[in-house]
Amino acid sequence: MANPARRALVPMLAGEFVPESPVRVHGLQPGPMKTELRGRAWMEDFDPSVRLPSAYAPACVELLSSAGRPFTGQIRVVQA
């Protein structure tokens, strides 16, 4: 999904729920990740900013916990 569409969709979906709803809508935009797919696409990837997916796990847990409530309707950009 294109960035402008994602920036519009997340707050729009979050606005569909009343503030007391247990349903929250967030976005998570991680930095570059070292995955099998990336390895197949870029054989010689020496980018020092590439992290393992586990580096972004704390941000996922935070959004899914009660601590993520303030991020409702927002896209959290994470650079591990």
C-alpha atoms as a PDB file:
ATOM      1  CA  MET A   1       0.000   0.000   0.000  1.00  0.00           C
ATOM      2  CA  ALA A   2       1.318   3.439  -0.859  1.00  0.00           C
ATOM      3  CA  ASN A   3       2.385   5.684   2.018  1.00  0.00           C
ATOM      4  CA  PRO A   4      -0.252   8.407   1.403  1.00  0.00           C
ATOM      5  CA  ALA A   5      -3.003   5.773   1.357  1.00  0.00           C
ATOM      6  CA  ARG A   6      -1.711   4.184   4.550  1.00  0.00           C
ATOM      7  CA  ARG A   7      -1.461   7.574   6.281  1.00  0.00           C
ATOM      8  CA  ALA A   8      -5.103   8.239   5.381  1.00  0.00           C
ATOM      9  CA  LEU A   9      -6.497   4.762   6.052  1.00  0.00           C
ATOM     10  CA  VAL A  10      -5.198   4.184   9.595  1.00  0.00           C
ATOM     11  CA  PRO A  11      -6.816   7.276  11.197  1.00  0.00           C
ATOM     12  CA  MET A  12      -9.962   6.782   9.131  1.00  0.00           C
ATOM     13  CA  LEU A  13     -10.388   3.193  10.357  1.00  0.00           C
ATOM     14  CA  ALA A  14      -9.576   4.211  13.931  1.00  0.00           C
ATOM     15  CA  GLY A  15     -12.264   6.891  13.733  1.00  0.00           C
ATOM     16  CA  GLU A  16     -14.868   4.234  12.955  1.00  0.00           C
ATOM     17  CA  PHE A  17     -14.713   3.017  16.561  1.00  0.00           C
ATOM     18  CA  VAL A  18     -15.985   4.867  19.617  1.00  0.00           C
ATOM     19  CA  PRO A  19     -13.252   5.886  22.095  1.00  0.00           C
ATOM     20  CA  GLU A  20     -14.464   3.282  24.618  1.00  0.00           C
ATOM     21  CA  SER A  21     -14.200   0.464  22.073  1.00  0.00           C
ATOM     22  CA  PRO A  22     -11.752  -2.331  22.855  1.00  0.00           C
ATOM     23  CA  VAL A  23     -10.783  -2.273  19.164  1.00  0.00           C
ATOM     24  CA  ARG A  24      -7.795  -0.086  18.339  1.00  0.00           C
ATOM     25  CA  VAL A  25      -6.305   0.593  14.922  1.00  0.00           C
ATOM     26  CA  HIS A  26      -2.579   1.333  14.685  1.00  0.00           C
ATOM     27  CA  GLY A  27       0.053   1.205  12.004  1.00  0.00           C
ATOM     28  CA  LEU A  28       3.624   0.054  12.408  1.00  0.00           C
ATOM     29  CA  GLN A  29       6.300   1.103   9.963  1.00  0.00           C
ATOM     30  CA  PRO A  30       9.508  -0.717  10.823  1.00  0.00           C
ATOM     31  CA  GLY A  31      12.869   0.026   9.326  1.00  0.00           C
ATOM     32  CA  PRO A  32      14.596  -2.349   6.929  1.00  0.00           C
ATOM     33  CA  MET A  33      14.541  -5.975   8.094  1.00  0.00           C
ATOM     34  CA  LYS A  34      16.794  -8.910   7.408  1.00  0.00           C
ATOM     35  CA  THR A  35      14.374 -11.505   6.067  1.00  0.00           C
ATOM     36  CA  GLU A  36      14.597 -14.482   3.737  1.00  0.00           C
ATOM     37  CA  LEU A  37      12.737 -12.544   1.039  1.00  0.00           C
ATOM     38  CA  ARG A  38      15.140  -9.602   1.300  1.00  0.00           C
ATOM     39  CA  GLY A  39      18.045 -12.053   1.114  1.00  0.00           C
ATOM     40  CA  ARG A  40      16.730 -13.468  -2.151  1.00  0.00           C
ATOM     41  CA  ALA A  41      16.197 -10.014  -3.624  1.00  0.00           C
ATOM     42  CA  TRP A  42      19.510  -8.465  -2.526  1.00  0.00           C
ATOM     43  CA  MET A  43      22.254 -11.074  -2.474  1.00  0.00           C
ATOM     44  CA  GLU A  44      24.945  -8.665  -1.274  1.00  0.00           C
ATOM     45  CA  ASP A  45      23.143  -6.491   1.218  1.00  0.00           C
ATOM     46  CA  PHE A  46      25.653  -4.665   3.387  1.00  0.00           C
ATOM     47  CA  ASP A  47      23.250  -1.988   4.619  1.00  0.00           C
ATOM     48  CA  PRO A  48      24.154  -1.400   8.299  1.00  0.00           C
ATOM     49  CA  SER A  49      20.621  -0.210   9.091  1.00  0.00           C
ATOM     50  CA  VAL A  50      19.110  -3.635   8.336  1.00  0.00           C
ATOM     51  CA  ARG A  51      17.946  -5.343  11.543  1.00  0.00           C
ATOM     52  CA  LEU A  52      16.523  -8.711  12.446  1.00  0.00           C
ATOM     53  CA  PRO A  53      12.713  -8.757  12.787  1.00  0.00           C
ATOM     54  CA  SER A  54      13.123  -9.361  16.520  1.00  0.00           C
ATOM     55  CA  ALA A  55      14.491  -5.806  16.841  1.00  0.00           C
ATOM     56  CA  TYR A  56      10.986  -4.525  16.109  1.00  0.00           C
ATOM     57  CA  ALA A  57       9.166  -6.941  18.431  1.00  0.00           C
ATOM     58  CA  PRO A  58       9.110  -4.513  21.409  1.00  0.00           C
ATOM     59  CA  ALA A  59       7.231  -1.937  19.306  1.00  0.00           C
ATOM     60  CA  CYS A  60       4.701  -4.600  18.263  1.00  0.00           C
ATOM     61  CA  VAL A  61       4.171  -5.678  21.862  1.00  0.00           C
ATOM     62  CA  GLU A  62       3.776  -2.066  22.971  1.00  0.00           C
ATOM     63  CA  LEU A  63       1.097  -1.377  20.344  1.00  0.00           C
ATOM     64  CA  LEU A  64      -0.799  -4.526  21.296  1.00  0.00           C
ATOM     65  CA  SER A  65      -0.652  -3.775  25.023  1.00  0.00           C
ATOM     66  CA  SER A  66      -2.495  -1.083  26.958  1.00  0.00           C
ATOM     67  CA  ALA A  67       0.588   1.120  26.508  1.00  0.00           C
ATOM     68  CA  GLY A  68      -0.307   1.342  22.809  1.00  0.00           C
ATOM     69  CA  ARG A  69      -3.618   3.121  23.399  1.00  0.00           C
ATOM     70  CA  PRO A  70      -2.116   6.623  22.850  1.00  0.00           C
ATOM     71  CA  PHE A  71      -1.000   5.529  19.367  1.00  0.00           C
ATOM     72  CA  THR A  72      -4.566   4.754  18.212  1.00  0.00           C
ATOM     73  CA  GLY A  73      -5.087   6.135  14.733  1.00  0.00           C
ATOM     74  CA  GLN A  74      -1.386   6.737  14.215  1.00  0.00           C
ATOM     75  CA  ILE A  75       1.399   5.006  12.349  1.00  0.00           C
ATOM     76  CA  ARG A  76       4.348   4.323  14.609  1.00  0.00           C
ATOM     77  CA  VAL A  77       7.641   4.629  12.751  1.00  0.00           C
ATOM     78  CA  VAL A  78      10.303   2.477  14.366  1.00  0.00           C
ATOM     79  CA  GLN A  79      14.005   2.595  13.616  1.00  0.00           C
ATOM     80  CA  ALA A  80      15.638  -0.086  15.760  1.00  0.00           C
END
